[in-house]
N, C-alpha and C. Protein backbone atom coordinates (compact mmCIF):
# COMPACT_ATOMS: atom_id res chain seq x y z
N MET A 1 -110.27 66.33 105.99
CA MET A 1 -109.68 65.12 106.57
C MET A 1 -109.92 65.09 108.06
N LEU A 2 -110.30 63.92 108.57
CA LEU A 2 -110.47 63.76 110.00
C LEU A 2 -109.15 64.03 110.71
N PHE A 3 -109.23 64.76 111.83
CA PHE A 3 -108.01 65.10 112.55
C PHE A 3 -107.31 63.85 113.07
N GLN A 4 -108.09 62.84 113.47
CA GLN A 4 -107.48 61.61 113.99
C GLN A 4 -106.68 60.90 112.91
N ASN A 5 -107.02 61.12 111.66
CA ASN A 5 -106.23 60.56 110.56
C ASN A 5 -105.03 61.45 110.24
N PHE A 6 -105.24 62.76 110.30
CA PHE A 6 -104.15 63.69 110.00
C PHE A 6 -102.96 63.50 110.94
N ILE A 7 -103.23 63.34 112.22
CA ILE A 7 -102.11 63.26 113.17
C ILE A 7 -101.25 62.02 112.96
N LYS A 8 -101.78 61.03 112.27
CA LYS A 8 -100.98 59.84 111.96
C LYS A 8 -99.86 60.16 110.98
N TYR A 9 -100.08 61.22 110.18
CA TYR A 9 -99.07 61.62 109.20
C TYR A 9 -98.04 62.60 109.76
N VAL A 10 -98.30 63.14 110.93
CA VAL A 10 -97.44 64.20 111.46
C VAL A 10 -95.98 63.76 111.60
N PRO A 11 -95.68 62.54 112.09
CA PRO A 11 -94.27 62.14 112.16
C PRO A 11 -93.57 62.14 110.79
N LYS A 12 -94.30 61.82 109.73
CA LYS A 12 -93.72 61.85 108.40
C LYS A 12 -93.53 63.29 107.92
N ILE A 13 -94.49 64.16 108.23
CA ILE A 13 -94.35 65.57 107.87
C ILE A 13 -93.14 66.18 108.58
N GLU A 14 -92.94 65.76 109.81
CA GLU A 14 -91.81 66.26 110.60
C GLU A 14 -90.47 65.95 109.94
N LYS A 15 -90.40 64.84 109.22
CA LYS A 15 -89.13 64.41 108.60
C LYS A 15 -89.05 64.76 107.12
N GLU A 16 -90.13 65.28 106.56
CA GLU A 16 -90.17 65.54 105.12
C GLU A 16 -89.17 66.64 104.72
N LYS A 17 -88.48 66.41 103.61
CA LYS A 17 -87.55 67.42 103.10
C LYS A 17 -88.32 68.64 102.63
N LEU A 18 -87.89 69.80 103.04
CA LEU A 18 -88.57 71.04 102.65
C LEU A 18 -88.09 71.51 101.28
N LEU A 19 -89.03 72.08 100.50
CA LEU A 19 -88.70 72.52 99.15
C LEU A 19 -88.22 73.96 99.10
N SER A 20 -88.40 74.70 100.19
CA SER A 20 -87.88 76.06 100.32
C SER A 20 -88.21 76.91 99.10
N THR A 21 -87.19 77.47 98.44
CA THR A 21 -87.41 78.41 97.34
C THR A 21 -88.28 77.81 96.24
N GLU A 22 -88.11 76.52 95.96
CA GLU A 22 -88.91 75.87 94.92
C GLU A 22 -90.41 75.99 95.20
N ALA A 23 -90.78 75.79 96.47
CA ALA A 23 -92.18 75.92 96.85
C ALA A 23 -92.60 77.38 96.93
N HIS A 24 -91.73 78.24 97.46
CA HIS A 24 -92.05 79.66 97.59
C HIS A 24 -92.31 80.30 96.23
N LEU A 25 -91.54 79.89 95.21
CA LEU A 25 -91.68 80.48 93.88
C LEU A 25 -93.06 80.27 93.29
N LYS A 26 -93.72 79.18 93.66
CA LYS A 26 -95.05 78.89 93.11
C LYS A 26 -96.07 79.95 93.48
N MET A 27 -95.87 80.60 94.63
CA MET A 27 -96.84 81.60 95.09
C MET A 27 -96.23 82.98 95.26
N ALA A 28 -95.07 83.20 94.67
CA ALA A 28 -94.39 84.48 94.82
C ALA A 28 -94.80 85.44 93.71
N PRO A 29 -95.12 86.71 94.04
CA PRO A 29 -95.30 87.72 93.00
C PRO A 29 -94.03 87.86 92.17
N LEU A 30 -94.17 88.21 90.90
CA LEU A 30 -93.00 88.30 90.02
C LEU A 30 -91.92 89.20 90.59
N GLU A 31 -92.34 90.32 91.20
CA GLU A 31 -91.36 91.25 91.75
C GLU A 31 -90.61 90.68 92.93
N ARG A 32 -91.21 89.67 93.58
CA ARG A 32 -90.56 89.04 94.74
C ARG A 32 -89.54 87.98 94.32
N ILE A 33 -89.68 87.46 93.09
CA ILE A 33 -88.82 86.36 92.65
C ILE A 33 -87.36 86.76 92.64
N SER A 34 -87.07 88.02 92.24
CA SER A 34 -85.68 88.46 92.21
C SER A 34 -85.06 88.43 93.59
N PHE A 35 -85.86 88.70 94.63
CA PHE A 35 -85.35 88.64 95.99
C PHE A 35 -85.01 87.20 96.36
N LEU A 36 -85.83 86.26 95.89
CA LEU A 36 -85.60 84.86 96.21
C LEU A 36 -84.36 84.32 95.51
N LYS A 37 -84.14 84.75 94.28
CA LYS A 37 -83.07 84.16 93.47
C LYS A 37 -81.74 84.88 93.58
N GLU A 38 -81.79 86.21 93.77
CA GLU A 38 -80.57 86.98 93.61
C GLU A 38 -80.13 87.75 94.86
N MET A 39 -81.08 88.31 95.57
CA MET A 39 -80.73 89.26 96.61
C MET A 39 -80.26 88.58 97.89
N ASP A 40 -79.17 89.05 98.42
CA ASP A 40 -78.70 88.60 99.72
C ASP A 40 -79.35 89.49 100.77
N TYR A 41 -80.49 89.04 101.30
CA TYR A 41 -81.25 89.89 102.21
C TYR A 41 -80.53 90.14 103.53
N LEU A 42 -79.55 89.30 103.86
CA LEU A 42 -78.83 89.51 105.12
C LEU A 42 -78.07 90.83 105.12
N GLU A 43 -77.76 91.34 103.93
CA GLU A 43 -77.10 92.64 103.84
C GLU A 43 -78.02 93.75 104.35
N LYS A 44 -79.31 93.49 104.32
CA LYS A 44 -80.28 94.47 104.79
C LYS A 44 -80.44 94.46 106.31
N GLU A 45 -79.80 93.49 106.97
CA GLU A 45 -79.91 93.33 108.43
C GLU A 45 -81.39 93.30 108.86
N PRO A 46 -82.15 92.34 108.33
CA PRO A 46 -83.59 92.30 108.63
C PRO A 46 -83.86 92.01 110.10
N ARG A 47 -85.01 92.50 110.56
CA ARG A 47 -85.49 92.14 111.89
C ARG A 47 -86.12 90.75 111.81
N GLU A 48 -86.06 90.04 112.93
CA GLU A 48 -86.59 88.67 112.92
C GLU A 48 -87.99 88.60 113.53
N ALA A 49 -88.77 87.71 112.98
CA ALA A 49 -90.12 87.46 113.47
C ALA A 49 -90.41 85.97 113.31
N ALA A 50 -91.48 85.51 113.95
CA ALA A 50 -91.87 84.11 113.85
C ALA A 50 -93.39 84.01 113.84
N VAL A 51 -93.90 83.03 113.10
CA VAL A 51 -95.35 82.80 113.03
C VAL A 51 -95.63 81.32 113.25
N LEU A 52 -96.88 81.02 113.59
CA LEU A 52 -97.29 79.64 113.87
C LEU A 52 -98.36 79.20 112.87
N MET A 53 -98.08 78.10 112.19
CA MET A 53 -99.03 77.48 111.27
C MET A 53 -99.70 76.35 112.05
N LEU A 54 -100.83 76.65 112.65
CA LEU A 54 -101.44 75.79 113.66
C LEU A 54 -102.60 74.96 113.09
N PHE A 55 -102.46 73.64 113.22
CA PHE A 55 -103.53 72.70 112.85
C PHE A 55 -104.23 72.20 114.12
N TYR A 56 -105.54 71.97 114.00
CA TYR A 56 -106.33 71.58 115.16
C TYR A 56 -107.65 70.98 114.66
N PRO A 57 -108.38 70.26 115.51
CA PRO A 57 -109.67 69.70 115.09
C PRO A 57 -110.81 70.69 115.32
N LYS A 58 -111.72 70.73 114.36
CA LYS A 58 -112.98 71.46 114.52
C LYS A 58 -114.07 70.57 113.92
N ASN A 59 -115.02 70.19 114.77
CA ASN A 59 -116.03 69.21 114.34
C ASN A 59 -115.37 67.96 113.77
N ALA A 60 -114.26 67.58 114.40
CA ALA A 60 -113.49 66.37 114.08
C ALA A 60 -112.64 66.51 112.82
N GLN A 61 -112.82 67.60 112.06
CA GLN A 61 -112.06 67.80 110.83
C GLN A 61 -110.84 68.68 111.09
N THR A 62 -109.78 68.45 110.33
CA THR A 62 -108.53 69.21 110.49
C THR A 62 -108.67 70.60 109.89
N HIS A 63 -108.27 71.61 110.66
CA HIS A 63 -108.31 73.00 110.22
C HIS A 63 -106.96 73.68 110.46
N LEU A 64 -106.72 74.73 109.69
CA LEU A 64 -105.53 75.56 109.81
C LEU A 64 -105.97 76.97 110.17
N ALA A 65 -105.32 77.57 111.18
CA ALA A 65 -105.72 78.90 111.65
C ALA A 65 -104.96 80.01 110.92
N LEU A 66 -105.72 80.98 110.41
CA LEU A 66 -105.18 82.21 109.84
C LEU A 66 -105.85 83.39 110.52
N ILE A 67 -105.24 84.55 110.44
CA ILE A 67 -105.85 85.73 111.05
C ILE A 67 -106.02 86.84 110.02
N VAL A 68 -107.07 87.64 110.23
CA VAL A 68 -107.28 88.87 109.47
C VAL A 68 -106.79 90.01 110.35
N ARG A 69 -105.76 90.69 109.91
CA ARG A 69 -105.21 91.78 110.72
C ARG A 69 -106.09 93.02 110.63
N ASN A 70 -106.10 93.79 111.70
CA ASN A 70 -106.86 95.03 111.73
C ASN A 70 -106.24 96.07 110.81
N THR A 71 -106.99 97.11 110.55
CA THR A 71 -106.48 98.22 109.76
C THR A 71 -105.67 99.14 110.68
N TYR A 72 -104.44 99.40 110.28
CA TYR A 72 -103.56 100.25 111.08
C TYR A 72 -102.47 100.81 110.16
N PRO A 73 -101.76 101.86 110.57
CA PRO A 73 -100.67 102.37 109.74
C PRO A 73 -99.57 101.33 109.62
N GLY A 74 -99.20 100.96 108.41
CA GLY A 74 -98.16 99.96 108.23
C GLY A 74 -98.43 99.11 107.01
N VAL A 75 -97.38 98.41 106.55
CA VAL A 75 -97.46 97.67 105.29
C VAL A 75 -98.30 96.41 105.39
N HIS A 76 -98.54 95.89 106.59
CA HIS A 76 -99.30 94.66 106.73
C HIS A 76 -100.74 94.88 107.19
N SER A 77 -101.19 96.13 107.16
CA SER A 77 -102.55 96.46 107.56
C SER A 77 -103.57 95.68 106.75
N SER A 78 -104.56 95.09 107.45
CA SER A 78 -105.70 94.40 106.84
C SER A 78 -105.33 93.12 106.08
N GLN A 79 -104.09 92.69 106.16
CA GLN A 79 -103.70 91.50 105.43
C GLN A 79 -104.06 90.22 106.20
N ILE A 80 -104.03 89.11 105.47
CA ILE A 80 -104.26 87.80 106.05
C ILE A 80 -102.90 87.17 106.34
N GLY A 81 -102.76 86.58 107.52
CA GLY A 81 -101.48 85.96 107.86
C GLY A 81 -101.67 84.89 108.91
N PHE A 82 -100.56 84.40 109.40
CA PHE A 82 -100.56 83.49 110.53
C PHE A 82 -100.34 84.30 111.81
N PRO A 83 -100.86 83.81 112.94
CA PRO A 83 -100.53 84.49 114.20
C PRO A 83 -99.02 84.49 114.42
N GLY A 84 -98.51 85.62 114.83
CA GLY A 84 -97.07 85.74 115.05
C GLY A 84 -96.65 87.19 115.06
N GLY A 85 -95.36 87.41 115.22
CA GLY A 85 -94.86 88.77 115.27
C GLY A 85 -93.37 88.80 115.53
N LYS A 86 -92.88 89.99 115.83
CA LYS A 86 -91.45 90.20 115.96
C LYS A 86 -90.90 89.62 117.25
N VAL A 87 -89.63 89.31 117.22
CA VAL A 87 -88.92 88.79 118.39
C VAL A 87 -88.82 89.88 119.45
N GLU A 88 -89.10 89.49 120.69
CA GLU A 88 -88.93 90.40 121.83
C GLU A 88 -87.74 89.92 122.66
N THR A 89 -87.21 90.83 123.48
CA THR A 89 -85.99 90.51 124.23
C THR A 89 -86.18 89.35 125.19
N GLU A 90 -87.42 89.14 125.67
CA GLU A 90 -87.64 88.06 126.64
C GLU A 90 -87.76 86.68 125.98
N ASP A 91 -87.86 86.63 124.66
CA ASP A 91 -87.99 85.35 123.97
C ASP A 91 -86.66 84.61 123.97
N LYS A 92 -86.69 83.36 124.37
CA LYS A 92 -85.48 82.55 124.39
C LYS A 92 -85.06 82.10 123.00
N ASN A 93 -86.05 81.92 122.12
CA ASN A 93 -85.77 81.48 120.76
C ASN A 93 -86.97 81.82 119.89
N LEU A 94 -86.88 81.50 118.60
CA LEU A 94 -87.94 81.84 117.66
C LEU A 94 -89.21 81.02 117.90
N THR A 95 -89.05 79.80 118.38
CA THR A 95 -90.22 79.00 118.72
C THR A 95 -91.04 79.68 119.81
N GLU A 96 -90.35 80.21 120.80
CA GLU A 96 -91.03 80.91 121.89
C GLU A 96 -91.71 82.18 121.38
N THR A 97 -91.10 82.84 120.41
CA THR A 97 -91.72 84.01 119.81
C THR A 97 -93.06 83.64 119.17
N ALA A 98 -93.06 82.56 118.39
CA ALA A 98 -94.29 82.13 117.70
C ALA A 98 -95.38 81.77 118.70
N LEU A 99 -95.02 81.06 119.75
CA LEU A 99 -96.00 80.65 120.76
C LEU A 99 -96.52 81.85 121.55
N ARG A 100 -95.63 82.76 121.94
CA ARG A 100 -96.04 83.93 122.71
C ARG A 100 -96.98 84.80 121.89
N GLU A 101 -96.62 85.04 120.64
CA GLU A 101 -97.45 85.89 119.79
C GLU A 101 -98.81 85.25 119.51
N THR A 102 -98.83 83.93 119.35
CA THR A 102 -100.11 83.24 119.14
C THR A 102 -101.00 83.39 120.36
N HIS A 103 -100.41 83.28 121.53
CA HIS A 103 -101.17 83.48 122.76
C HIS A 103 -101.72 84.90 122.84
N GLU A 104 -100.87 85.87 122.53
CA GLU A 104 -101.28 87.27 122.63
C GLU A 104 -102.33 87.63 121.59
N GLU A 105 -102.20 87.11 120.38
CA GLU A 105 -103.07 87.54 119.29
C GLU A 105 -104.39 86.80 119.23
N VAL A 106 -104.38 85.49 119.53
CA VAL A 106 -105.63 84.72 119.39
C VAL A 106 -106.00 83.93 120.65
N GLY A 107 -105.24 84.12 121.75
CA GLY A 107 -105.65 83.58 123.04
C GLY A 107 -105.44 82.10 123.25
N ILE A 108 -104.56 81.47 122.46
CA ILE A 108 -104.29 80.04 122.64
C ILE A 108 -103.01 79.86 123.45
N SER A 109 -103.15 79.23 124.60
CA SER A 109 -102.01 79.05 125.50
C SER A 109 -100.97 78.10 124.91
N PRO A 110 -99.68 78.38 125.10
CA PRO A 110 -98.63 77.50 124.58
C PRO A 110 -98.75 76.05 125.07
N ASP A 111 -99.33 75.83 126.26
CA ASP A 111 -99.42 74.46 126.75
C ASP A 111 -100.45 73.62 126.00
N LYS A 112 -101.21 74.26 125.10
CA LYS A 112 -102.16 73.52 124.27
C LYS A 112 -101.58 73.20 122.89
N ILE A 113 -100.33 73.61 122.67
CA ILE A 113 -99.74 73.50 121.33
C ILE A 113 -98.47 72.66 121.38
N GLU A 114 -98.34 71.76 120.43
CA GLU A 114 -97.09 71.04 120.22
C GLU A 114 -96.46 71.56 118.93
N VAL A 115 -95.27 72.12 119.04
CA VAL A 115 -94.56 72.60 117.86
C VAL A 115 -93.90 71.41 117.19
N ILE A 116 -94.20 71.20 115.93
CA ILE A 116 -93.73 70.03 115.20
C ILE A 116 -92.37 70.27 114.55
N ARG A 117 -92.25 71.38 113.84
CA ARG A 117 -90.98 71.65 113.16
C ARG A 117 -90.97 73.07 112.60
N PRO A 118 -89.77 73.60 112.32
CA PRO A 118 -89.66 74.86 111.60
C PRO A 118 -89.78 74.62 110.10
N PHE A 119 -90.24 75.65 109.40
CA PHE A 119 -90.22 75.64 107.94
C PHE A 119 -89.25 76.71 107.46
N SER A 120 -89.07 76.83 106.16
CA SER A 120 -88.07 77.74 105.60
C SER A 120 -88.44 79.19 105.87
N LYS A 121 -87.43 79.99 106.17
CA LYS A 121 -87.64 81.40 106.45
C LYS A 121 -88.03 82.14 105.17
N VAL A 122 -88.81 83.19 105.35
CA VAL A 122 -89.26 84.02 104.23
C VAL A 122 -88.89 85.47 104.52
N TYR A 123 -88.22 86.10 103.57
CA TYR A 123 -87.86 87.52 103.72
C TYR A 123 -88.96 88.38 103.13
N ILE A 124 -89.36 89.43 103.87
CA ILE A 124 -90.42 90.34 103.43
C ILE A 124 -89.81 91.71 103.15
N PRO A 125 -89.57 92.04 101.88
CA PRO A 125 -88.88 93.30 101.54
C PRO A 125 -89.55 94.56 102.07
N PRO A 126 -90.88 94.74 101.95
CA PRO A 126 -91.46 96.04 102.35
C PRO A 126 -91.22 96.40 103.81
N SER A 127 -91.22 95.39 104.70
CA SER A 127 -91.04 95.67 106.13
C SER A 127 -89.65 95.27 106.63
N ASN A 128 -88.85 94.67 105.75
CA ASN A 128 -87.50 94.20 106.10
C ASN A 128 -87.53 93.25 107.30
N PHE A 129 -88.44 92.29 107.25
CA PHE A 129 -88.51 91.24 108.27
C PHE A 129 -88.11 89.91 107.66
N LEU A 130 -87.41 89.11 108.44
CA LEU A 130 -87.11 87.72 108.09
C LEU A 130 -87.97 86.86 109.01
N VAL A 131 -88.95 86.17 108.42
CA VAL A 131 -89.96 85.48 109.20
C VAL A 131 -89.71 83.98 109.23
N SER A 132 -89.73 83.41 110.42
CA SER A 132 -89.56 81.97 110.61
C SER A 132 -90.92 81.34 110.90
N PRO A 133 -91.43 80.50 109.99
CA PRO A 133 -92.71 79.82 110.25
C PRO A 133 -92.48 78.49 110.96
N PHE A 134 -93.37 78.17 111.88
CA PHE A 134 -93.34 76.89 112.59
C PHE A 134 -94.69 76.20 112.43
N MET A 135 -94.64 74.90 112.18
CA MET A 135 -95.87 74.12 112.16
C MET A 135 -96.15 73.62 113.57
N GLY A 136 -97.40 73.76 114.00
CA GLY A 136 -97.80 73.27 115.31
C GLY A 136 -99.14 72.56 115.22
N ILE A 137 -99.44 71.75 116.23
CA ILE A 137 -100.74 71.11 116.30
C ILE A 137 -101.31 71.25 117.71
N SER A 138 -102.62 71.28 117.79
CA SER A 138 -103.32 71.18 119.06
C SER A 138 -104.31 70.03 118.93
N ASN A 139 -104.37 69.19 119.93
CA ASN A 139 -105.21 68.00 119.86
C ASN A 139 -106.64 68.24 120.32
N GLU A 140 -106.96 69.48 120.65
CA GLU A 140 -108.31 69.78 121.13
C GLU A 140 -108.95 70.89 120.32
N GLU A 141 -110.27 70.92 120.32
CA GLU A 141 -110.97 72.02 119.67
C GLU A 141 -110.62 73.32 120.40
N LEU A 142 -110.42 74.37 119.64
CA LEU A 142 -109.91 75.61 120.21
C LEU A 142 -110.96 76.71 120.18
N LYS A 143 -110.95 77.52 121.23
CA LYS A 143 -111.78 78.72 121.27
C LYS A 143 -110.85 79.92 121.15
N PHE A 144 -110.87 80.53 119.99
CA PHE A 144 -109.99 81.66 119.75
C PHE A 144 -110.55 82.93 120.40
N ILE A 145 -109.65 83.68 121.01
CA ILE A 145 -110.01 84.96 121.62
C ILE A 145 -109.11 86.03 121.00
N PRO A 146 -109.55 86.62 119.90
CA PRO A 146 -108.68 87.59 119.21
C PRO A 146 -108.41 88.83 120.05
N ASP A 147 -107.20 89.33 119.96
CA ASP A 147 -106.86 90.64 120.50
C ASP A 147 -107.28 91.66 119.45
N PHE A 148 -108.40 92.31 119.68
CA PHE A 148 -108.98 93.16 118.64
C PHE A 148 -108.17 94.42 118.36
N ASP A 149 -107.15 94.68 119.16
CA ASP A 149 -106.24 95.76 118.81
C ASP A 149 -105.42 95.40 117.57
N GLU A 150 -105.20 94.10 117.37
CA GLU A 150 -104.36 93.64 116.26
C GLU A 150 -105.10 92.75 115.28
N VAL A 151 -106.06 91.97 115.77
CA VAL A 151 -106.69 90.92 114.95
C VAL A 151 -108.17 91.19 114.80
N LYS A 152 -108.61 91.31 113.56
CA LYS A 152 -110.02 91.53 113.29
C LYS A 152 -110.82 90.25 113.48
N SER A 153 -110.28 89.12 112.97
CA SER A 153 -110.97 87.84 113.09
C SER A 153 -110.01 86.69 112.81
N VAL A 154 -110.45 85.48 113.16
CA VAL A 154 -109.68 84.27 112.89
C VAL A 154 -110.37 83.50 111.77
N LEU A 155 -109.61 83.08 110.78
CA LEU A 155 -110.13 82.25 109.69
C LEU A 155 -109.76 80.80 109.97
N GLU A 156 -110.76 79.94 109.98
CA GLU A 156 -110.53 78.52 110.24
C GLU A 156 -110.64 77.78 108.90
N PHE A 157 -109.50 77.46 108.33
CA PHE A 157 -109.39 76.96 106.96
C PHE A 157 -109.30 75.43 106.97
N PRO A 158 -110.31 74.74 106.45
CA PRO A 158 -110.26 73.27 106.45
C PRO A 158 -109.09 72.74 105.62
N LEU A 159 -108.43 71.71 106.13
CA LEU A 159 -107.30 71.11 105.41
C LEU A 159 -107.72 70.65 104.02
N SER A 160 -108.93 70.12 103.89
CA SER A 160 -109.39 69.63 102.60
C SER A 160 -109.39 70.74 101.55
N LEU A 161 -109.76 71.97 101.94
CA LEU A 161 -109.73 73.10 101.02
C LEU A 161 -108.31 73.60 100.79
N PHE A 162 -107.51 73.57 101.83
CA PHE A 162 -106.11 74.00 101.71
C PHE A 162 -105.38 73.17 100.66
N LEU A 163 -105.64 71.88 100.62
CA LEU A 163 -104.95 70.99 99.69
C LEU A 163 -105.61 70.94 98.31
N ASP A 164 -106.75 71.57 98.16
CA ASP A 164 -107.49 71.58 96.90
C ASP A 164 -106.88 72.65 95.97
N GLU A 165 -106.43 72.23 94.81
CA GLU A 165 -105.80 73.16 93.88
C GLU A 165 -106.75 74.27 93.42
N ARG A 166 -108.04 74.04 93.54
CA ARG A 166 -109.00 75.04 93.09
C ARG A 166 -109.05 76.26 94.00
N THR A 167 -108.40 76.19 95.17
CA THR A 167 -108.35 77.37 96.04
C THR A 167 -107.25 78.35 95.63
N ILE A 168 -106.45 77.96 94.64
CA ILE A 168 -105.37 78.83 94.16
C ILE A 168 -105.86 79.60 92.94
N THR A 169 -105.59 80.90 92.92
CA THR A 169 -106.04 81.75 91.83
C THR A 169 -104.98 82.81 91.56
N LYS A 170 -105.28 83.71 90.63
CA LYS A 170 -104.44 84.88 90.39
C LYS A 170 -105.32 86.11 90.47
N VAL A 171 -104.83 87.13 91.15
CA VAL A 171 -105.59 88.36 91.32
C VAL A 171 -104.70 89.56 91.02
N LYS A 172 -105.33 90.67 90.67
CA LYS A 172 -104.57 91.90 90.46
C LYS A 172 -104.54 92.69 91.75
N MET A 173 -103.34 93.11 92.11
CA MET A 173 -103.13 93.81 93.37
C MET A 173 -102.28 95.06 93.14
N THR A 174 -102.44 96.03 94.04
CA THR A 174 -101.52 97.15 94.13
C THR A 174 -100.73 96.98 95.42
N THR A 175 -99.43 96.86 95.29
CA THR A 175 -98.58 96.57 96.43
C THR A 175 -97.71 97.77 96.76
N SER A 176 -96.85 97.58 97.74
CA SER A 176 -95.95 98.67 98.15
C SER A 176 -94.87 98.93 97.10
N TYR A 177 -94.71 98.01 96.14
CA TYR A 177 -93.64 98.17 95.16
C TYR A 177 -94.13 98.08 93.71
N ALA A 178 -95.44 97.91 93.50
CA ALA A 178 -95.94 97.84 92.13
C ALA A 178 -97.44 98.13 92.12
N THR A 179 -97.92 98.58 90.95
CA THR A 179 -99.34 98.92 90.80
C THR A 179 -100.00 97.98 89.80
N ASP A 180 -101.15 97.47 90.18
CA ASP A 180 -101.97 96.66 89.28
C ASP A 180 -101.19 95.49 88.69
N ILE A 181 -100.60 94.68 89.58
CA ILE A 181 -99.87 93.50 89.13
C ILE A 181 -100.67 92.25 89.44
N GLU A 182 -100.43 91.20 88.66
CA GLU A 182 -101.11 89.93 88.88
C GLU A 182 -100.27 89.07 89.81
N VAL A 183 -100.88 88.57 90.88
CA VAL A 183 -100.14 87.76 91.84
C VAL A 183 -100.90 86.46 92.10
N PRO A 184 -100.17 85.36 92.37
CA PRO A 184 -100.83 84.12 92.76
C PRO A 184 -101.32 84.23 94.20
N ALA A 185 -102.43 83.57 94.49
CA ALA A 185 -103.02 83.70 95.82
C ALA A 185 -103.87 82.49 96.16
N PHE A 186 -104.05 82.27 97.46
CA PHE A 186 -105.03 81.32 97.97
C PHE A 186 -106.32 82.09 98.25
N MET A 187 -107.45 81.48 97.97
CA MET A 187 -108.74 82.04 98.36
C MET A 187 -109.21 81.34 99.63
N VAL A 188 -109.34 82.07 100.70
CA VAL A 188 -109.81 81.54 101.98
C VAL A 188 -111.10 82.28 102.33
N GLU A 189 -112.22 81.58 102.18
CA GLU A 189 -113.52 82.23 102.28
C GLU A 189 -113.54 83.37 101.26
N LYS A 190 -113.81 84.59 101.69
CA LYS A 190 -113.85 85.72 100.76
C LYS A 190 -112.52 86.45 100.67
N TYR A 191 -111.52 85.93 101.37
CA TYR A 191 -110.25 86.65 101.50
C TYR A 191 -109.20 86.13 100.52
N VAL A 192 -108.37 87.06 100.07
CA VAL A 192 -107.24 86.74 99.19
C VAL A 192 -105.97 86.68 100.05
N VAL A 193 -105.29 85.55 100.00
CA VAL A 193 -104.05 85.38 100.77
C VAL A 193 -102.90 85.31 99.77
N TRP A 194 -102.01 86.29 99.84
CA TRP A 194 -100.94 86.37 98.85
C TRP A 194 -99.64 86.76 99.54
N GLY A 195 -98.58 86.93 98.76
CA GLY A 195 -97.32 87.38 99.31
C GLY A 195 -96.66 86.36 100.21
N ALA A 196 -96.04 86.85 101.28
CA ALA A 196 -95.25 85.99 102.15
C ALA A 196 -96.06 84.85 102.76
N THR A 197 -97.30 85.15 103.18
CA THR A 197 -98.13 84.11 103.79
C THR A 197 -98.44 83.01 102.78
N ALA A 198 -98.77 83.39 101.56
CA ALA A 198 -99.03 82.39 100.52
C ALA A 198 -97.79 81.56 100.23
N MET A 199 -96.63 82.18 100.28
CA MET A 199 -95.38 81.45 100.05
C MET A 199 -95.14 80.42 101.15
N MET A 200 -95.38 80.80 102.39
CA MET A 200 -95.26 79.86 103.50
C MET A 200 -96.27 78.72 103.35
N MET A 201 -97.50 79.09 102.98
CA MET A 201 -98.54 78.09 102.80
C MET A 201 -98.18 77.11 101.69
N SER A 202 -97.51 77.59 100.66
CA SER A 202 -97.12 76.73 99.54
C SER A 202 -96.14 75.65 99.99
N GLU A 203 -95.15 76.04 100.79
CA GLU A 203 -94.19 75.03 101.28
C GLU A 203 -94.86 74.05 102.23
N LEU A 204 -95.73 74.57 103.09
CA LEU A 204 -96.46 73.71 104.02
C LEU A 204 -97.33 72.72 103.24
N LYS A 205 -98.02 73.21 102.24
CA LYS A 205 -98.90 72.37 101.43
C LYS A 205 -98.12 71.26 100.74
N GLU A 206 -96.97 71.62 100.16
CA GLU A 206 -96.17 70.62 99.46
C GLU A 206 -95.68 69.53 100.41
N ALA A 207 -95.27 69.92 101.61
CA ALA A 207 -94.79 68.94 102.59
C ALA A 207 -95.89 67.97 102.97
N ILE A 208 -97.11 68.48 103.15
CA ILE A 208 -98.24 67.63 103.53
C ILE A 208 -98.64 66.71 102.37
N LYS A 209 -98.73 67.29 101.16
CA LYS A 209 -99.14 66.49 100.01
C LYS A 209 -98.14 65.38 99.69
N ASN A 210 -96.89 65.60 100.01
CA ASN A 210 -95.87 64.58 99.73
C ASN A 210 -96.01 63.35 100.60
N VAL A 211 -96.68 63.48 101.74
CA VAL A 211 -96.81 62.32 102.64
C VAL A 211 -98.24 61.79 102.73
N ILE A 212 -99.20 62.59 102.27
CA ILE A 212 -100.59 62.13 102.30
C ILE A 212 -101.02 61.81 100.87
N GLN A 213 -101.35 60.59 100.62
CA GLN A 213 -101.79 60.16 99.30
C GLN A 213 -103.31 60.17 99.22
N PHE A 214 -103.85 60.83 98.20
CA PHE A 214 -105.30 60.89 98.01
C PHE A 214 -105.71 59.93 96.89
């Protein structure tokens, strides 16, 4: 979709009712569903984090930015996600966390980004993080500068593919809590996007599809 057409829908997306758990369940591994339906994660006193779901034009077409994380000790090593990270003491709020981390990880200054709205929080059991996703837009073509200590590369995912049901599949994975399980996932280029990021993407996708008629 042309970016100039996409931005016309942004005010409607900003007001769209979020589906929260209903959307998350579509892309949640079976073992994660119990956390969504039954577990009171606040008892775990999770740490807070924020990520940015950033749309921008590339060759006039609307794209969504994802990152490939570097290999490092930890549960999120080598995974695909949105730019973002944990709250730091200097952050005034979660929006500022998402913008600061995006700047640090992929080199996009906050003054180039308009934050549109928050989406539903997602709890990540393996790392005990409660993640707040924010939708943002940039009206200009972006030159990403990855921090290679944390980010291997940036994936520029066209909106047309994001909304295409054929990008959704099921794959067998070994996770921190199960071996050889089948999980729903998005295919982005050669990469499998599953778990919390896929759950966030599911809610974002539903909100966009509800206001954009094809």
